[in-house]
Amino acid sequence: MPVVFAKRMLQLPLLAALALAMMLTVGIACGGAGEPEVASSESAAPAATAVPQAAAAATAAPSPTEAPAMMESKDFDKFTVMVTTQGNELFNSKYAAGENNLWHRMAQVWLVGGSLQDGSLVLDPATGIANKWEIVDDGVAWEFTIRPGIQFHNGEELDVNDVAFMANWSITEEAAGVSTVRIAREIVNREVTGPDTFKYTFKEPLAFFGAAVSEVDNTAIGTVISEDYFKSLPLGQTIENCTPIEVCQQAEAFEENPNPGLPGPFQVMSHRYEEEILYERFEDYFLRQERPFPFQTLSLRVVPELSTRVAALQAGEVDIIEADNTVVGQIQDAGGRIVYAPESVHIWINANGCNRETDNDGVPIMCNDLRVRQALDYAIDKTQIQALYGGSDAFEINGMHGIGSPSGLGFEPDLGPLPFDPDKAQQLMADAGYPGGAGFNGGQVFPIHTWTGAGAPLTVELSTLICQSWETVLGIECEVNVGEEVSLKEVQYAGEIAGQYLVRTNENTYDGGRRMLGRYAREGAYIAFDTDIAEKVLAAGAMIGTQEERHQAYYDALRIIHDKHYDFTPGFLNQPYGVSDRVGSWTPWPLAPYMSALWTVEVNQ
């Protein structure tokens, strides 16, 4: 079965295009692979949502800010990490995007905090901007009480007006991230309700909102920057499709020097786009005692070449590297150690438009038949995929394509991947009218789309393995189409490959309510709008009861999504990290596709 490398060039978001142009102009070294500014599966806006031009200029590579000379004297206490790629490195959540958003984590605080308790992630009022939240107004509103004493890096205190500023400017349909846009479309009002309280009101109850603006999720929706600092900045270019105009014109100056307006554990001392961000510990960080971070400075380096990262680890030049299963043995054989971050990313096999009978050209859509969708899953030998990724330590045959994870809300073991069952797969195909694959897809080649890049290695090899399974078990003539991430997302969003499967990675999540809503429960849903699913998803979103009641409501929604089987997964990857001898111990969080909980690192002296 052939593997085709597509070179279709669709217009990149203006943000990416102008950022690239500016990097080339000023001569900044670029090392990111693929499409770092839209690395997250559901953090990129649909093709119809263009990023404003002036924002693009504002978010292009900022002029590097040189670190003060005093930094040199603290190099002995520098902690260095290396990643493959990360997002667009913007500290402004209106336009920030990226699956690996470690750069944001080091300098920011979220509206709702989180913690790891007894091995499980929980929303924690002790670790976020809000020290209290309530669901009010018959369940349709969330009201947050803002914690006193949180300081921005310029010494000013964060207050409810800063929360209101970001709520009104950043969480809108003008935002770059589709997750932010989906949230914005549900909001009917946002208002300061007291000297330290702020309220969001929605069209209908959204029980997942607390998680969506928390640090346990993987978006920047819940972050806050200083209104006073932002509005003190000079005006830049006019930004199309961005309001209010004056605020939007200050985005460029903010990205040139965001540090004074950030409240997180580290200050940004130097920023070389797609190369290195150098941070210094902020001693007035409000969680300094609870999250000590045992290093004074942090060097976050983007090094796309895996071999370079491994060599740096072996030479003792770096403390933690983003690894993958292909080099685990190499690192261990050289005396290095591996730390796995559990439930980091999953393999997502999805097609949109399976609820349609025909595609844009009037051709029948094969996955419109539930029996076909189930047969395609039963025909995949998940143990072969597990072997491809290095065994059960690295890959677990478990989970439910990111909306349900063992450490998340609503998941139960019966929601896992379908077992490999060739006989059942063949019978389902025969029942659907395609015995031995005869007549399937009108006798035309059935494509699988994928791309290479961040998230997980071996996506082409994985897609090839799936294609071979479908050919061998089901008699389907299959072809792997390797395209470019942004282009493939755009054509899928536009419905141009309706009914055709895309094999990709996506981060897991603690609360899948936001994704369920956007994928299945709204007109124009990303995967397939289904009224039966929508009923359960909306019921889960409206559940404001106990954690046990919410768990059951989420399970009910996940159960019907699993039964409908519009999309599916063979399992998830536990992200391997190579660690140096300096790292005595480290406990990363589950469900995090970035180097999480670095405050738990113990450094050997």
Foldseek 3Di string as FASTA:
>chain_A
DAAAADEDDDDDALLQVLLVVVCVVVVFDAQAPFAQQAAFPQFAAFPVQHAWNVLSLLLRWADKFAFDPVVVVQVVQEAEEEEQGFHSLFLQQLEGHTQAVVSNQQFWFFQWEWDQDPNFIDTALVGGQFVDWDQDDLQQKIKTFGDWQQAALLGDTDAVVQQVVCVVFRQDCNGRGNLSPLVRVFWDDWDADDRGMIMTGGPAHFQCVSQVRYPQFRGPSGTTWDPVVQLVADFADAIPPGPPRRSSRSSSVCRNAVRRGTRHQWGFRIDRGNAWTKTAGRPSRVCCVVQVLSGGMYIYGHHNDQVVNLVCQLVVNHFKYFHFLVCQVVQVVSPWDKDWFAQFKFKKKFFAQLCPQAAPVRQGQQSVDLLQLVLLQLLAALVVVCVVRPHDQFWPQFFWRQQTDPSAFQDDGVLTGDHNDLVSSQVSCVVVPQHLNPCPSNPDAAEEEEEARPDHHDQVVVVVSSQVSCCVRRVGRYYYYYYRVVVVSNCRLVRVNGNHIYIYMHFHGRHNLSVLCQQAQDVSRSHYHDPVLNVLSSVLRSDPDDSVVNSNSSNVSSVVCSSSNNMGGSTGTGGMMIGHPQFPDDDAHHRRNYRHSSSRTDGDD
